């Protein structure tokens, strides 16, 4: 059964507005998001310098996007857990730790891909 409300293009516009609201909330409330987004804005132009070809450039840019994606999901998890209540609960802690682990994995992937690309670039490859 479909939900009542906007349909078609109006729904797409509304969804875009909600997404931008989410980005704004992440920017205003999460220092890690601000740092990672700023770094992504600095690194994306470098992808066109370091990338050997279009596929390589896209891979470098995707790693930036994955970090932002993981941070947004982690922030959503933290918000939901914090909304439930301030008392410590092992499952709440586990949920936050898993979100943090997702960010760590994407940051590690980002670091590996960019370091290898930088090494290859300066090696003369």
PDB file of N, CA and C in Angstrom:
ATOM      1  N   UNK A   1       0.846  -1.171   0.000  1.00  0.00           N
ATOM      2  CA  UNK A   1       0.000   0.000   0.000  1.00  0.00           C
ATOM      3  C   UNK A   1       0.893   1.236   0.000  1.00  0.00           C
ATOM      4  N   UNK A   2       0.633   2.177  -0.886  1.00  0.00           N
ATOM      5  CA  UNK A   2       1.472   3.366  -0.958  1.00  0.00           C
ATOM      6  C   UNK A   2       1.050   4.378   0.102  1.00  0.00           C
ATOM      7  N   UNK A   3       2.037   5.162   0.529  1.00  0.00           N
ATOM      8  CA  UNK A   3       1.781   6.180   1.537  1.00  0.00           C
ATOM      9  C   UNK A   3       1.106   7.387   0.893  1.00  0.00           C
ATOM     10  N   UNK A   4       0.213   8.033   1.644  1.00  0.00           N
ATOM     11  CA  UNK A   4      -0.387   9.255   1.113  1.00  0.00           C
ATOM     12  C   UNK A   4       0.653  10.376   1.102  1.00  0.00           C
ATOM     13  N   UNK A   5       0.423  11.385   0.277  1.00  0.00           N
ATOM     14  CA  UNK A   5       1.342  12.519   0.242  1.00  0.00           C
ATOM     15  C   UNK A   5       1.809  12.805  -1.162  1.00  0.00           C
ATOM     16  N   UNK A   6       2.976  13.381  -1.232  1.00  0.00           N
ATOM     17  CA  UNK A   6       3.526  13.800  -2.526  1.00  0.00           C
ATOM     18  C   UNK A   6       3.826  12.602  -3.416  1.00  0.00           C
ATOM     19  N   UNK A   7       3.710  12.857  -4.715  1.00  0.00           N
ATOM     20  CA  UNK A   7       4.026  11.819  -5.694  1.00  0.00           C
ATOM     21  C   UNK A   7       4.842  12.447  -6.815  1.00  0.00           C
ATOM     22  N   UNK A   8       5.553  11.592  -7.523  1.00  0.00           N
ATOM     23  CA  UNK A   8       6.285  12.039  -8.699  1.00  0.00           C
ATOM     24  C   UNK A   8       7.398  13.018  -8.384  1.00  0.00           C
ATOM     25  N   UNK A   9       7.471  14.065  -9.204  1.00  0.00           N
ATOM     26  CA  UNK A   9       8.557  15.033  -9.096  1.00  0.00           C
ATOM     27  C   UNK A   9       8.511  15.788  -7.764  1.00  0.00           C
ATOM     28  N   UNK A  10       7.317  16.080  -7.259  1.00  0.00           N
ATOM     29  CA  UNK A  10       7.184  16.781  -5.976  1.00  0.00           C
ATOM     30  C   UNK A  10       7.790  15.952  -4.848  1.00  0.00           C
ATOM     31  N   UNK A  11       7.614  14.650  -4.938  1.00  0.00           N
ATOM     32  CA  UNK A  11       8.193  13.766  -3.923  1.00  0.00           C
ATOM     33  C   UNK A  11       9.722  13.800  -3.994  1.00  0.00           C
ATOM     34  N   UNK A  12      10.273  13.820  -5.200  1.00  0.00           N
ATOM     35  CA  UNK A  12      11.721  13.900  -5.382  1.00  0.00           C
ATOM     36  C   UNK A  12      12.269  15.206  -4.809  1.00  0.00           C
ATOM     37  N   UNK A  13      11.565  16.298  -5.045  1.00  0.00           N
ATOM     38  CA  UNK A  13      11.981  17.601  -4.510  1.00  0.00           C
ATOM     39  C   UNK A  13      11.962  17.567  -2.984  1.00  0.00           C
ATOM     40  N   UNK A  14      10.911  17.009  -2.411  1.00  0.00           N
ATOM     41  CA  UNK A  14      10.809  16.922  -0.952  1.00  0.00           C
ATOM     42  C   UNK A  14      11.922  16.045  -0.385  1.00  0.00           C
ATOM     43  N   UNK A  15      12.196  14.919  -1.026  1.00  0.00           N
ATOM     44  CA  UNK A  15      13.261  14.026  -0.560  1.00  0.00           C
ATOM     45  C   UNK A  15      14.618  14.723  -0.616  1.00  0.00           C
ATOM     46  N   UNK A  16      14.835  15.513  -1.662  1.00  0.00           N
ATOM     47  CA  UNK A  16      16.086  16.265  -1.770  1.00  0.00           C
ATOM     48  C   UNK A  16      16.194  17.276  -0.635  1.00  0.00           C
ATOM     49  N   UNK A  17      15.102  17.930  -0.316  1.00  0.00           N
ATOM     50  CA  UNK A  17      15.085  18.891   0.792  1.00  0.00           C
ATOM     51  C   UNK A  17      15.418  18.187   2.114  1.00  0.00           C
ATOM     52  N   UNK A  18      14.848  17.007   2.344  1.00  0.00           N
ATOM     53  CA  UNK A  18      15.136  16.257   3.569  1.00  0.00           C
ATOM     54  C   UNK A  18      16.608  15.861   3.626  1.00  0.00           C
ATOM     55  N   UNK A  19      17.153  15.477   2.484  1.00  0.00           N
ATOM     56  CA  UNK A  19      18.570  15.091   2.437  1.00  0.00           C
ATOM     57  C   UNK A  19      19.462  16.266   2.800  1.00  0.00           C
ATOM     58  N   UNK A  20      19.167  17.430   2.243  1.00  0.00           N
ATOM     59  CA  UNK A  20      19.972  18.611   2.565  1.00  0.00           C
ATOM     60  C   UNK A  20      19.826  18.986   4.030  1.00  0.00           C
ATOM     61  N   UNK A  21      18.645  18.776   4.599  1.00  0.00           N
ATOM     62  CA  UNK A  21      18.453  19.010   6.031  1.00  0.00           C
ATOM     63  C   UNK A  21      19.337  18.079   6.845  1.00  0.00           C
ATOM     64  N   UNK A  22      19.468  16.832   6.373  1.00  0.00           N
ATOM     65  CA  UNK A  22      20.347  15.877   7.040  1.00  0.00           C
ATOM     66  C   UNK A  22      21.802  16.290   6.963  1.00  0.00           C
ATOM     67  N   UNK A  23      22.238  16.743   5.775  1.00  0.00           N
ATOM     68  CA  UNK A  23      23.616  17.225   5.645  1.00  0.00           C
ATOM     69  C   UNK A  23      23.865  18.427   6.556  1.00  0.00           C
ATOM     70  N   UNK A  24      22.884  19.317   6.626  1.00  0.00           N
ATOM     71  CA  UNK A  24      23.022  20.496   7.482  1.00  0.00           C
ATOM     72  C   UNK A  24      23.133  20.078   8.947  1.00  0.00           C
ATOM     73  N   UNK A  25      22.305  19.136   9.373  1.00  0.00           N
ATOM     74  CA  UNK A  25      22.359  18.654  10.758  1.00  0.00           C
ATOM     75  C   UNK A  25      23.703  18.011  11.055  1.00  0.00           C
ATOM     76  N   UNK A  26      24.204  17.213  10.121  1.00  0.00           N
ATOM     77  CA  UNK A  26      25.516  16.581  10.318  1.00  0.00           C
ATOM     78  C   UNK A  26      26.603  17.644  10.414  1.00  0.00           C
ATOM     79  N   UNK A  27      26.555  18.649   9.556  1.00  0.00           N
ATOM     80  CA  UNK A  27      27.562  19.717   9.556  1.00  0.00           C
ATOM     81  C   UNK A  27      27.526  20.497  10.874  1.00  0.00           C
ATOM     82  N   UNK A  28      26.323  20.812  11.349  1.00  0.00           N
ATOM     83  CA  UNK A  28      26.191  21.626  12.555  1.00  0.00           C
ATOM     84  C   UNK A  28      26.500  20.858  13.834  1.00  0.00           C
ATOM     85  N   UNK A  29      26.259  19.546  13.841  1.00  0.00           N
ATOM     86  CA  UNK A  29      26.336  18.785  15.084  1.00  0.00           C
ATOM     87  C   UNK A  29      27.498  17.816  15.193  1.00  0.00           C
ATOM     88  N   UNK A  30      28.174  17.518  14.106  1.00  0.00           N
ATOM     89  CA  UNK A  30      29.226  16.498  14.123  1.00  0.00           C
ATOM     90  C   UNK A  30      30.554  17.047  13.612  1.00  0.00           C
ATOM     91  N   UNK A  31      31.495  17.209  14.532  1.00  0.00           N
ATOM     92  CA  UNK A  31      32.814  17.703  14.140  1.00  0.00           C
ATOM     93  C   UNK A  31      33.487  16.752  13.153  1.00  0.00           C
ATOM     94  N   UNK A  32      33.346  15.451  13.378  1.00  0.00           N
ATOM     95  CA  UNK A  32      33.963  14.476  12.473  1.00  0.00           C
ATOM     96  C   UNK A  32      33.432  14.657  11.052  1.00  0.00           C
ATOM     97  N   UNK A  33      32.137  14.914  10.912  1.00  0.00           N
ATOM     98  CA  UNK A  33      31.562  15.138   9.581  1.00  0.00           C
ATOM     99  C   UNK A  33      32.169  16.379   8.937  1.00  0.00           C
ATOM    100  N   UNK A  34      32.302  17.458   9.708  1.00  0.00           N
ATOM    101  CA  UNK A  34      32.887  18.686   9.158  1.00  0.00           C
ATOM    102  C   UNK A  34      34.313  18.452   8.680  1.00  0.00           C
ATOM    103  N   UNK A  35      35.091  17.720   9.460  1.00  0.00           N
ATOM    104  CA  UNK A  35      36.473  17.430   9.079  1.00  0.00           C
ATOM    105  C   UNK A  35      36.502  16.581   7.814  1.00  0.00           C
ATOM    106  N   UNK A  36      35.724  15.502   7.802  1.00  0.00           N
ATOM    107  CA  UNK A  36      35.734  14.580   6.657  1.00  0.00           C
ATOM    108  C   UNK A  36      35.185  15.239   5.392  1.00  0.00           C
ATOM    109  N   UNK A  37      34.145  16.046   5.526  1.00  0.00           N
ATOM    110  CA  UNK A  37      33.593  16.731   4.355  1.00  0.00           C
ATOM    111  C   UNK A  37      34.592  17.751   3.808  1.00  0.00           C
ATOM    112  N   UNK A  38      35.266  18.456   4.691  1.00  0.00           N
ATOM    113  CA  UNK A  38      36.274  19.428   4.253  1.00  0.00           C
ATOM    114  C   UNK A  38      37.428  18.731   3.551  1.00  0.00           C
ATOM    115  N   UNK A  39      37.861  17.612   4.113  1.00  0.00           N
ATOM    116  CA  UNK A  39      38.936  16.856   3.468  1.00  0.00           C
ATOM    117  C   UNK A  39      38.495  16.323   2.105  1.00  0.00           C
ATOM    118  N   UNK A  40      37.259  15.858   2.022  1.00  0.00           N
ATOM    119  CA  UNK A  40      36.753  15.356   0.737  1.00  0.00           C
ATOM    120  C   UNK A  40      36.767  16.467  -0.312  1.00  0.00           C
ATOM    121  N   UNK A  41      36.360  17.664   0.083  1.00  0.00           N
ATOM    122  CA  UNK A  41      36.367  18.781  -0.864  1.00  0.00           C
ATOM    123  C   UNK A  41      37.778  19.130  -1.318  1.00  0.00           C
ATOM    124  N   UNK A  42      38.756  18.896  -0.447  1.00  0.00           N
ATOM    125  CA  UNK A  42      40.151  19.139  -0.826  1.00  0.00           C
ATOM    126  C   UNK A  42      40.707  18.001  -1.679  1.00  0.00           C
ATOM    127  N   UNK A  43      40.312  16.769  -1.370  1.00  0.00           N
ATOM    128  CA  UNK A  43      40.874  15.606  -2.058  1.00  0.00           C
ATOM    129  C   UNK A  43      40.254  15.351  -3.430  1.00  0.00           C
ATOM    130  N   UNK A  44      38.994  15.685  -3.615  1.00  0.00           N
ATOM    131  CA  UNK A  44      38.344  15.388  -4.895  1.00  0.00           C
ATOM    132  C   UNK A  44      39.077  16.030  -6.081  1.00  0.00           C
ATOM    133  N   UNK A  45      39.468  17.300  -6.009  1.00  0.00           N
ATOM    134  CA  UNK A  45      40.251  17.839  -7.139  1.00  0.00           C
ATOM    135  C   UNK A  45      41.582  17.104  -7.341  1.00  0.00           C
ATOM    136  N   UNK A  46      42.186  16.630  -6.254  1.00  0.00           N
ATOM    137  CA  UNK A  46      43.439  15.878  -6.373  1.00  0.00           C
ATOM    138  C   UNK A  46      43.252  14.568  -7.126  1.00  0.00           C
ATOM    139  N   UNK A  47      42.047  14.031  -7.086  1.00  0.00           N
ATOM    140  CA  UNK A  47      41.778  12.777  -7.800  1.00  0.00           C
ATOM    141  C   UNK A  47      42.048  12.931  -9.289  1.00  0.00           C
ATOM    142  N   UNK A  48      41.825  14.124  -9.809  1.00  0.00           N
ATOM    143  CA  UNK A  48      42.042  14.355 -11.239  1.00  0.00           C
ATOM    144  C   UNK A  48      43.524  14.513 -11.578  1.00  0.00           C
ATOM    145  N   UNK A  49      44.335  14.777 -10.551  1.00  0.00           N
ATOM    146  CA  UNK A  49      45.787  14.864 -10.741  1.00  0.00           C
ATOM    147  C   UNK A  49      46.420  13.487 -10.568  1.00  0.00           C
ATOM    148  N   UNK A  50      46.043  12.807  -9.491  1.00  0.00           N
ATOM    149  CA  UNK A  50      46.657  11.513  -9.176  1.00  0.00           C
ATOM    150  C   UNK A  50      46.127  10.374 -10.034  1.00  0.00           C
ATOM    151  N   UNK A  51      44.877  10.471 -10.447  1.00  0.00           N
ATOM    152  CA  UNK A  51      44.254   9.372 -11.192  1.00  0.00           C
ATOM    153  C   UNK A  51      44.900   9.161 -12.549  1.00  0.00           C
ATOM    154  N   UNK A  52      45.249   7.924 -12.832  1.00  0.00           N
ATOM    155  CA  UNK A  52      45.903   7.573 -14.095  1.00  0.00           C
ATOM    156  C   UNK A  52      44.935   7.625 -15.276  1.00  0.00           C
ATOM    157  N   UNK A  53      43.669   7.358 -15.001  1.00  0.00           N
ATOM    158  CA  UNK A  53      42.638   7.353 -16.034  1.00  0.00           C
ATOM    159  C   UNK A  53      41.300   7.615 -15.357  1.00  0.00           C
ATOM    160  N   UNK A  54      40.246   7.646 -16.126  1.00  0.00           N
ATOM    161  CA  UNK A  54      38.938   7.986 -15.572  1.00  0.00           C
ATOM    162  C   UNK A  54      38.485   6.995 -14.498  1.00  0.00           C
ATOM    163  N   UNK A  55      38.744   5.718 -14.687  1.00  0.00           N
ATOM    164  CA  UNK A  55      38.343   4.713 -13.693  1.00  0.00           C
ATOM    165  C   UNK A  55      39.089   4.933 -12.380  1.00  0.00           C
ATOM    166  N   UNK A  56      40.359   5.242 -12.473  1.00  0.00           N
ATOM    167  CA  UNK A  56      41.163   5.501 -11.281  1.00  0.00           C
ATOM    168  C   UNK A  56      40.659   6.760 -10.569  1.00  0.00           C
ATOM    169  N   UNK A  57      40.344   7.796 -11.329  1.00  0.00           N
ATOM    170  CA  UNK A  57      39.821   9.031 -10.745  1.00  0.00           C
ATOM    171  C   UNK A  57      38.493   8.779 -10.032  1.00  0.00           C
ATOM    172  N   UNK A  58      37.640   7.999 -10.676  1.00  0.00           N
ATOM    173  CA  UNK A  58      36.349   7.667 -10.070  1.00  0.00           C
ATOM    174  C   UNK A  58      36.549   6.882  -8.781  1.00  0.00           C
ATOM    175  N   UNK A  59      37.479   5.936  -8.773  1.00  0.00           N
ATOM    176  CA  UNK A  59      37.750   5.148  -7.566  1.00  0.00           C
ATOM    177  C   UNK A  59      38.208   6.047  -6.422  1.00  0.00           C
ATOM    178  N   UNK A  60      39.059   7.006  -6.718  1.00  0.00           N
ATOM    179  CA  UNK A  60      39.525   7.930  -5.683  1.00  0.00           C
ATOM    180  C   UNK A  60      38.366   8.761  -5.133  1.00  0.00           C
ATOM    181  N   UNK A  61      37.515   9.237  -6.015  1.00  0.00           N
ATOM    182  CA  UNK A  61      36.369  10.042  -5.584  1.00  0.00           C
ATOM    183  C   UNK A  61      35.377   9.194  -4.790  1.00  0.00           C
ATOM    184  N   UNK A  62      35.173   7.954  -5.206  1.00  0.00           N
ATOM    185  CA  UNK A  62      34.258   7.062  -4.482  1.00  0.00           C
ATOM    186  C   UNK A  62      34.722   6.852  -3.048  1.00  0.00           C
ATOM    187  N   UNK A  63      36.027   6.728  -2.830  1.00  0.00           N
ATOM    188  CA  UNK A  63      36.497   6.539  -1.450  1.00  0.00           C
ATOM    189  C   UNK A  63      36.140   7.744  -0.587  1.00  0.00           C
ATOM    190  N   UNK A  64      36.176   8.938  -1.165  1.00  0.00           N
ATOM    191  CA  UNK A  64      35.756  10.135  -0.418  1.00  0.00           C
ATOM    192  C   UNK A  64      34.269  10.038  -0.064  1.00  0.00           C
ATOM    193  N   UNK A  65      33.470   9.647  -1.038  1.00  0.00           N
ATOM    194  CA  UNK A  65      32.033   9.513  -0.811  1.00  0.00           C
ATOM    195  C   UNK A  65      31.685   8.451   0.211  1.00  0.00           C
ATOM    196  N   UNK A  66      32.445   7.358   0.212  1.00  0.00           N
ATOM    197  CA  UNK A  66      32.178   6.288   1.179  1.00  0.00           C
ATOM    198  C   UNK A  66      32.412   6.750   2.612  1.00  0.00           C
ATOM    199  N   UNK A  67      33.437   7.572   2.812  1.00  0.00           N
ATOM    200  CA  UNK A  67      33.700   8.098   4.158  1.00  0.00           C
ATOM    201  C   UNK A  67      32.531   8.967   4.611  1.00  0.00           C
ATOM    202  N   UNK A  68      32.058   9.842   3.730  1.00  0.00           N
ATOM    203  CA  UNK A  68      30.922  10.708   4.063  1.00  0.00           C
ATOM    204  C   UNK A  68      29.677   9.863   4.333  1.00  0.00           C
ATOM    205  N   UNK A  69      29.440   8.865   3.495  1.00  0.00           N
ATOM    206  CA  UNK A  69      28.299   7.970   3.675  1.00  0.00           C
ATOM    207  C   UNK A  69      28.343   7.277   5.035  1.00  0.00           C
ATOM    208  N   UNK A  70      29.488   6.711   5.373  1.00  0.00           N
ATOM    209  CA  UNK A  70      29.617   6.008   6.651  1.00  0.00           C
ATOM    210  C   UNK A  70      29.416   6.964   7.823  1.00  0.00           C
ATOM    211  N   UNK A  71      29.946   8.174   7.717  1.00  0.00           N
ATOM    212  CA  UNK A  71      29.796   9.143   8.808  1.00  0.00           C
ATOM    213  C   UNK A  71      28.347   9.560   8.986  1.00  0.00           C
ATOM    214  N   UNK A  72      27.620   9.742   7.890  1.00  0.00           N
ATOM    215  CA  UNK A  72      26.206  10.107   7.981  1.00  0.00           C
ATOM    216  C   UNK A  72      25.407   8.970   8.633  1.00  0.00           C
ATOM    217  N   UNK A  73      25.673   7.740   8.231  1.00  0.00           N
ATOM    218  CA  UNK A  73      24.980   6.594   8.836  1.00  0.00           C
ATOM    219  C   UNK A  73      25.349   6.471  10.310  1.00  0.00           C
ATOM    220  N   UNK A  74      26.622   6.640  10.641  1.00  0.00           N
ATOM    221  CA  UNK A  74      27.056   6.581  12.032  1.00  0.00           C
ATOM    222  C   UNK A  74      26.360   7.665  12.860  1.00  0.00           C
ATOM    223  N   UNK A  75      26.253   8.850  12.312  1.00  0.00           N
ATOM    224  CA  UNK A  75      25.578   9.947  13.011  1.00  0.00           C
ATOM    225  C   UNK A  75      24.105   9.619  13.227  1.00  0.00           C
ATOM    226  N   UNK A  76      23.469   9.011  12.235  1.00  0.00           N
ATOM    227  CA  UNK A  76      22.066   8.612  12.381  1.00  0.00           C
ATOM    228  C   UNK A  76      21.909   7.571  13.489  1.00  0.00           C
ATOM    229  N   UNK A  77      22.814   6.598  13.528  1.00  0.00           N
ATOM    230  CA  UNK A  77      22.772   5.578  14.585  1.00  0.00           C
ATOM    231  C   UNK A  77      22.928   6.235  15.949  1.00  0.00           C
ATOM    232  N   UNK A  78      23.907   7.124  16.076  1.00  0.00           N
ATOM    233  CA  UNK A  78      24.136   7.806  17.351  1.00  0.00           C
ATOM    234  C   UNK A  78      22.913   8.624  17.764  1.00  0.00           C
ATOM    235  N   UNK A  79      22.277   9.290  16.812  1.00  0.00           N
ATOM    236  CA  UNK A  79      21.091  10.092  17.123  1.00  0.00           C
ATOM    237  C   UNK A  79      19.948   9.223  17.630  1.00  0.00           C
ATOM    238  N   UNK A  80      19.732   8.094  16.982  1.00  0.00           N
ATOM    239  CA  UNK A  80      18.660   7.190  17.404  1.00  0.00           C
ATOM    240  C   UNK A  80      18.940   6.639  18.794  1.00  0.00           C
ATOM    241  N   UNK A  81      20.168   6.200  19.026  1.00  0.00           N
ATOM    242  CA  UNK A  81      20.524   5.642  20.335  1.00  0.00           C
ATOM    243  C   UNK A  81      20.386   6.708  21.415  1.00  0.00           C
ATOM    244  N   UNK A  82      20.864   7.914  21.145  1.00  0.00           N
ATOM    245  CA  UNK A  82      20.760   8.994  22.133  1.00  0.00           C
ATOM    246  C   UNK A  82      19.309   9.376  22.388  1.00  0.00           C
ATOM    247  N   UNK A  83      18.459   9.251  21.378  1.00  0.00           N
ATOM    248  CA  UNK A  83      17.037   9.561  21.520  1.00  0.00           C
ATOM    249  C   UNK A  83      16.344   8.575  22.451  1.00  0.00           C
ATOM    250  N   UNK A  84      16.807   7.337  22.441  1.00  0.00           N
ATOM    251  CA  UNK A  84      16.193   6.303  23.275  1.00  0.00           C
ATOM    252  C   UNK A  84      16.357   6.628  24.752  1.00  0.00           C
ATOM    253  N   UNK A  85      17.517   7.133  25.129  1.00  0.00           N
ATOM    254  CA  UNK A  85      17.722   7.508  26.518  1.00  0.00           C
ATOM    255  C   UNK A  85      19.184   7.630  26.875  1.00  0.00           C
ATOM    256  N   UNK A  86      19.466   8.361  27.954  1.00  0.00           N
ATOM    257  CA  UNK A  86      20.855   8.613  28.347  1.00  0.00           C
ATOM    258  C   UNK A  86      21.510   7.462  29.121  1.00  0.00           C
ATOM    259  N   UNK A  87      20.715   6.542  29.632  1.00  0.00           N
ATOM    260  CA  UNK A  87      21.289   5.451  30.425  1.00  0.00           C
ATOM    261  C   UNK A  87      22.110   4.519  29.537  1.00  0.00           C
ATOM    262  N   UNK A  88      23.172   3.962  30.141  1.00  0.00           N
ATOM    263  CA  UNK A  88      24.051   3.068  29.385  1.00  0.00           C
ATOM    264  C   UNK A  88      23.374   1.711  29.206  1.00  0.00           C
ATOM    265  N   UNK A  89      23.392   1.235  27.996  1.00  0.00           N
ATOM    266  CA  UNK A  89      22.865  -0.080  27.676  1.00  0.00           C
ATOM    267  C   UNK A  89      23.883  -0.766  26.775  1.00  0.00           C
ATOM    268  N   UNK A  90      24.203  -2.041  27.041  1.00  0.00           N
ATOM    269  CA  UNK A  90      25.207  -2.722  26.213  1.00  0.00           C
ATOM    270  C   UNK A  90      24.864  -2.736  24.722  1.00  0.00           C
ATOM    271  N   UNK A  91      23.602  -2.924  24.374  1.00  0.00           N
ATOM    272  CA  UNK A  91      23.229  -2.940  22.957  1.00  0.00           C
ATOM    273  C   UNK A  91      23.348  -1.553  22.321  1.00  0.00           C
ATOM    274  N   UNK A  92      23.026  -0.525  23.093  1.00  0.00           N
ATOM    275  CA  UNK A  92      23.204   0.838  22.581  1.00  0.00           C
ATOM    276  C   UNK A  92      24.677   1.119  22.330  1.00  0.00           C
ATOM    277  N   UNK A  93      25.509   0.709  23.268  1.00  0.00           N
ATOM    278  CA  UNK A  93      26.951   0.874  23.092  1.00  0.00           C
ATOM    279  C   UNK A  93      27.460   0.090  21.895  1.00  0.00           C
ATOM    280  N   UNK A  94      26.942  -1.119  21.727  1.00  0.00           N
ATOM    281  CA  UNK A  94      27.355  -1.946  20.591  1.00  0.00           C
ATOM    282  C   UNK A  94      26.944  -1.294  19.268  1.00  0.00           C
ATOM    283  N   UNK A  95      25.738  -0.737  19.215  1.00  0.00           N
ATOM    284  CA  UNK A  95      25.280  -0.070  17.991  1.00  0.00           C
ATOM    285  C   UNK A  95      26.193   1.099  17.641  1.00  0.00           C
ATOM    286  N   UNK A  96      26.546   1.895  18.645  1.00  0.00           N
ATOM    287  CA  UNK A  96      27.444   3.027  18.400  1.00  0.00           C
ATOM    288  C   UNK A  96      28.829   2.547  17.978  1.00  0.00           C
ATOM    289  N   UNK A  97      29.313   1.497  18.619  1.00  0.00           N
ATOM    290  CA  UNK A  97      30.633   0.955  18.264  1.00  0.00           C
ATOM    291  C   UNK A  97      30.652   0.417  16.836  1.00  0.00           C
ATOM    292  N   UNK A  98      29.571  -0.236  16.427  1.00  0.00           N
ATOM    293  CA  UNK A  98      29.496  -0.761  15.061  1.00  0.00           C
ATOM    294  C   UNK A  98      29.460   0.371  14.032  1.00  0.00           C
ATOM    295  N   UNK A  99      28.737   1.430  14.341  1.00  0.00           N
ATOM    296  CA  UNK A  99      28.737   2.591  13.456  1.00  0.00           C
ATOM    297  C   UNK A  99      30.119   3.197  13.343  1.00  0.00           C
ATOM    298  N   UNK A 100      30.803   3.282  14.468  1.00  0.00           N
ATOM    299  CA  UNK A 100      32.174   3.796  14.471  1.00  0.00           C
ATOM    300  C   UNK A 100      33.099   2.884  13.677  1.00  0.00           C
ATOM    301  N   UNK A 101      32.901   1.585  13.797  1.00  0.00           N
ATOM    302  CA  UNK A 101      33.722   0.625  13.043  1.00  0.00           C
ATOM    303  C   UNK A 101      33.517   0.802  11.535  1.00  0.00           C
ATOM    304  N   UNK A 102      32.289   1.091  11.125  1.00  0.00           N
ATOM    305  CA  UNK A 102      32.022   1.324   9.700  1.00  0.00           C
ATOM    306  C   UNK A 102      32.799   2.539   9.198  1.00  0.00           C
ATOM    307  N   UNK A 103      32.835   3.590  10.003  1.00  0.00           N
ATOM    308  CA  UNK A 103      33.612   4.775   9.631  1.00  0.00           C
ATOM    309  C   UNK A 103      35.092   4.423   9.554  1.00  0.00           C
ATOM    310  N   UNK A 104      35.569   3.656  10.525  1.00  0.00           N
ATOM    311  CA  UNK A 104      36.983   3.257  10.541  1.00  0.00           C
ATOM    312  C   UNK A 104      37.351   2.459   9.288  1.00  0.00           C
ATOM    313  N   UNK A 105      36.491   1.535   8.894  1.00  0.00           N
ATOM    314  CA  UNK A 105      36.760   0.721   7.699  1.00  0.00           C
ATOM    315  C   UNK A 105      36.847   1.613   6.461  1.00  0.00           C
ATOM    316  N   UNK A 106      35.908   2.545   6.319  1.00  0.00           N
ATOM    317  CA  UNK A 106      35.942   3.401   5.129  1.00  0.00           C
ATOM    318  C   UNK A 106      37.132   4.353   5.158  1.00  0.00           C
ATOM    319  N   UNK A 107      37.488   4.856   6.340  1.00  0.00           N
ATOM    320  CA  UNK A 107      38.680   5.703   6.437  1.00  0.00           C
ATOM    321  C   UNK A 107      39.942   4.915   6.103  1.00  0.00           C
ATOM    322  N   UNK A 108      40.000   3.664   6.545  1.00  0.00           N
ATOM    323  CA  UNK A 108      41.158   2.812   6.235  1.00  0.00           C
ATOM    324  C   UNK A 108      41.248   2.554   4.738  1.00  0.00           C
ATOM    325  N   UNK A 109      40.112   2.271   4.110  1.00  0.00           N
ATOM    326  CA  UNK A 109      40.071   2.072   2.662  1.00  0.00           C
ATOM    327  C   UNK A 109      40.512   3.341   1.937  1.00  0.00           C
ATOM    328  N   UNK A 110      39.983   4.472   2.377  1.00  0.00           N
ATOM    329  CA  UNK A 110      40.372   5.761   1.804  1.00  0.00           C
ATOM    330  C   UNK A 110      41.881   5.956   1.900  1.00  0.00           C
ATOM    331  N   UNK A 111      42.428   5.746   3.084  1.00  0.00           N
ATOM    332  CA  UNK A 111      43.864   5.941   3.305  1.00  0.00           C
ATOM    333  C   UNK A 111      44.691   5.014   2.423  1.00  0.00           C
ATOM    334  N   UNK A 112      44.311   3.751   2.355  1.00  0.00           N
ATOM    335  CA  UNK A 112      45.044   2.782   1.542  1.00  0.00           C
ATOM    336  C   UNK A 112      45.040   3.182   0.065  1.00  0.00           C
ATOM    337  N   UNK A 113      43.862   3.468  -0.467  1.00  0.00           N
ATOM    338  CA  UNK A 113      43.742   3.793  -1.894  1.00  0.00           C
ATOM    339  C   UNK A 113      44.505   5.077  -2.220  1.00  0.00           C
ATOM    340  N   UNK A 114      44.369   6.077  -1.383  1.00  0.00           N
ATOM    341  CA  UNK A 114      45.047   7.346  -1.656  1.00  0.00           C
ATOM    342  C   UNK A 114      46.556   7.242  -1.475  1.00  0.00           C
ATOM    343  N   UNK A 115      47.005   6.517  -0.461  1.00  0.00           N
ATOM    344  CA  UNK A 115      48.457   6.350  -0.290  1.00  0.00           C
ATOM    345  C   UNK A 115      49.060   5.577  -1.452  1.00  0.00           C
ATOM    346  N   UNK A 116      48.399   4.505  -1.874  1.00  0.00           N
ATOM    347  CA  UNK A 116      48.901   3.731  -3.010  1.00  0.00           C
ATOM    348  C   UNK A 116      48.906   4.578  -4.285  1.00  0.00           C
ATOM    349  N   UNK A 117      47.873   5.357  -4.480  1.00  0.00           N
ATOM    350  CA  UNK A 117      47.801   6.211  -5.668  1.00  0.00           C
ATOM    351  C   UNK A 117      48.883   7.287  -5.644  1.00  0.00           C
ATOM    352  N   UNK A 118      49.105   7.868  -4.479  1.00  0.00           N
ATOM    353  CA  UNK A 118      50.145   8.896  -4.345  1.00  0.00           C
ATOM    354  C   UNK A 118      51.523   8.295  -4.575  1.00  0.00           C
ATOM    355  N   UNK A 119      51.762   7.142  -3.992  1.00  0.00           N
ATOM    356  CA  UNK A 119      53.047   6.457  -4.175  1.00  0.00           C
ATOM    357  C   UNK A 119      53.274   6.147  -5.655  1.00  0.00           C
ATOM    358  N   UNK A 120      52.248   5.619  -6.291  1.00  0.00           N
ATOM    359  CA  UNK A 120      52.355   5.272  -7.712  1.00  0.00           C
ATOM    360  C   UNK A 120      52.603   6.528  -8.557  1.00  0.00           C
ATOM    361  N   UNK A 121      51.942   7.612  -8.221  1.00  0.00           N
ATOM    362  CA  UNK A 121      52.087   8.861  -8.974  1.00  0.00           C
ATOM    363  C   UNK A 121      53.521   9.391  -8.885  1.00  0.00           C
ATOM    364  N   UNK A 122      54.066   9.435  -7.661  1.00  0.00           N
ATOM    365  CA  UNK A 122      55.408   9.985  -7.478  1.00  0.00           C
ATOM    366  C   UNK A 122      56.510   9.014  -7.881  1.00  0.00           C
ATOM    367  N   UNK A 123      56.169   7.753  -7.964  1.00  0.00           N
ATOM    368  CA  UNK A 123      57.122   6.739  -8.424  1.00  0.00           C
ATOM    369  C   UNK A 123      57.324   6.860  -9.933  1.00  0.00           C
ATOM    370  N   UNK A 124      56.425   7.560 -10.558  1.00  0.00           N
ATOM    371  CA  UNK A 124      56.559   7.749 -11.997  1.00  0.00           C
ATOM    372  C   UNK A 124      55.676   6.833 -12.803  1.00  0.00           C
ATOM    373  N   UNK A 125      54.662   6.243 -12.146  1.00  0.00           N
ATOM    374  CA  UNK A 125      53.793   5.299 -12.840  1.00  0.00           C
ATOM    375  C   UNK A 125      52.703   5.992 -13.476  1.00  0.00           C
TER     376      UNK A 125
END
